[in-house]
Amino acid sequence: MQYKSQEYNPYSFVVKEKDENFHLEQDIQGYKDFAAESREANEYFNGGKKYRSFCIIPDIVAIDILTKYNIDVHSQTFMDNPTQIKRVKEIIKKEYPLLLTSNINK
């Protein structure tokens, strides 16, 4: 059996169940395309911006980060924890560089 996590959301992930096991899949090409466009725009319009987007995190990547590193990027307290924010930035740069929305090196 398989179904979308959110039927109304074309970008949601697919849950595939077999007996007691399940597998999650999500096409994140749209997210990668958005990130590439954002990086390009960031280079062009970079003048004087104080705040910039760092990355875009699809649900499937958020689940992977939660599973591997026990960091919940959807938690209400996530942005209050500078250590976790720094760690997620390191993870995205290393494991998901195509999801970066700017050319931030810090």
Protein backbone atom coordinates (compact mmCIF):
# COMPACT_ATOMS: atom_id res chain seq x y z
CA MET A 1 0.00 0.00 0.00
CA GLN A 2 1.20 3.53 -0.69
CA TYR A 3 -0.22 7.00 -0.13
CA LYS A 4 0.86 10.65 -0.01
CA SER A 5 1.48 12.16 3.40
CA GLN A 6 -0.74 15.10 2.38
CA GLU A 7 -3.08 14.40 -0.51
CA TYR A 8 -3.65 18.12 -1.20
CA ASN A 9 0.08 18.93 -1.33
CA PRO A 10 1.82 18.02 -4.62
CA TYR A 11 5.23 18.26 -2.88
CA SER A 12 4.40 15.90 -0.02
CA PHE A 13 6.20 12.61 0.39
CA VAL A 14 4.93 9.15 -0.46
CA VAL A 15 4.57 6.56 2.28
CA LYS A 16 5.04 2.98 1.07
CA GLU A 17 3.95 0.31 3.52
CA LYS A 18 4.77 -3.37 3.32
CA ASP A 19 3.74 -5.48 6.29
CA GLU A 20 5.11 -3.69 9.37
CA ASN A 21 7.79 -1.79 7.46
CA PHE A 22 7.49 1.49 5.63
CA HIS A 23 9.58 3.56 3.25
CA LEU A 24 9.33 7.30 2.54
CA GLU A 25 10.04 8.91 -0.84
CA GLN A 26 9.84 12.51 -2.02
CA ASP A 27 10.77 14.13 -5.30
CA ILE A 28 12.81 17.14 -4.21
CA GLN A 29 13.83 18.39 -7.66
CA GLY A 30 11.50 21.39 -7.31
CA TYR A 31 13.25 22.30 -4.05
CA LYS A 32 16.68 21.98 -5.70
CA ASP A 33 15.52 24.18 -8.59
CA PHE A 34 14.20 26.81 -6.17
CA ALA A 35 17.47 26.75 -4.21
CA ALA A 36 19.52 27.19 -7.42
CA GLU A 37 17.36 30.12 -8.51
CA SER A 38 17.71 31.66 -5.04
CA ARG A 39 21.51 31.31 -5.09
CA GLU A 40 21.64 32.97 -8.50
CA ALA A 41 19.37 35.81 -7.37
CA ASN A 42 21.40 36.19 -4.19
CA GLU A 43 24.57 36.71 -6.21
CA TYR A 44 22.86 39.28 -8.40
CA PHE A 45 20.96 41.21 -5.68
CA ASN A 46 23.40 40.73 -2.80
CA GLY A 47 23.92 44.43 -2.07
CA GLY A 48 23.44 45.27 1.60
CA LYS A 49 21.10 42.52 2.71
CA LYS A 50 21.32 42.02 6.45
CA TYR A 51 19.36 38.75 6.49
CA ARG A 52 19.41 36.03 3.87
CA SER A 53 17.77 32.67 3.52
CA PHE A 54 20.21 29.86 4.19
CA CYS A 55 18.47 26.82 2.72
CA ILE A 56 15.19 25.13 1.94
CA ILE A 57 14.45 21.89 3.78
CA PRO A 58 11.96 19.44 2.24
CA ASP A 59 10.03 17.21 4.65
CA ILE A 60 12.01 14.13 3.68
CA VAL A 61 15.29 15.91 4.57
CA ALA A 62 13.82 17.15 7.87
CA ILE A 63 12.89 13.55 8.69
CA ASP A 64 16.40 12.38 7.75
CA ILE A 65 18.00 15.01 10.01
CA LEU A 66 15.65 14.05 12.85
CA THR A 67 16.41 10.35 12.39
CA LYS A 68 20.19 10.65 12.00
CA TYR A 69 20.96 13.58 14.33
CA ASN A 70 17.92 13.86 16.62
CA ILE A 71 17.40 17.49 15.59
CA ASP A 72 13.80 18.52 14.91
CA VAL A 73 13.93 21.51 12.55
CA HIS A 74 10.13 21.82 12.89
CA SER A 75 10.25 22.17 16.66
CA GLN A 76 8.92 25.45 18.05
CA THR A 77 12.17 25.86 20.00
CA PHE A 78 14.60 24.98 17.18
CA MET A 79 15.38 28.63 16.32
CA ASP A 80 16.10 29.34 20.01
CA ASN A 81 19.02 26.90 20.02
CA PRO A 82 22.13 28.35 18.29
CA THR A 83 24.01 25.06 18.68
CA GLN A 84 21.36 23.13 16.75
CA ILE A 85 21.11 25.84 14.09
CA LYS A 86 24.88 25.69 13.59
CA ARG A 87 24.78 21.89 13.38
CA VAL A 88 21.96 21.92 10.80
CA LYS A 89 23.94 24.42 8.71
CA GLU A 90 26.92 22.05 8.79
CA ILE A 91 24.70 19.10 7.84
CA ILE A 92 23.09 20.97 4.93
CA LYS A 93 26.45 22.18 3.60
CA LYS A 94 27.95 18.68 3.79
CA GLU A 95 25.06 16.37 2.91
CA TYR A 96 22.59 18.56 0.98
CA PRO A 97 24.53 21.43 -0.65
CA LEU A 98 22.02 21.70 -3.52
CA LEU A 99 19.41 22.88 -0.99
CA LEU A 100 21.44 25.99 -0.06
CA THR A 101 19.54 29.13 -1.09
CA SER A 102 22.47 31.50 -0.74
CA ASN A 103 26.22 31.40 -0.97
CA ILE A 104 26.72 31.87 2.77
CA ASN A 105 30.03 30.47 3.94
CA LYS A 106 29.57 30.95 7.69
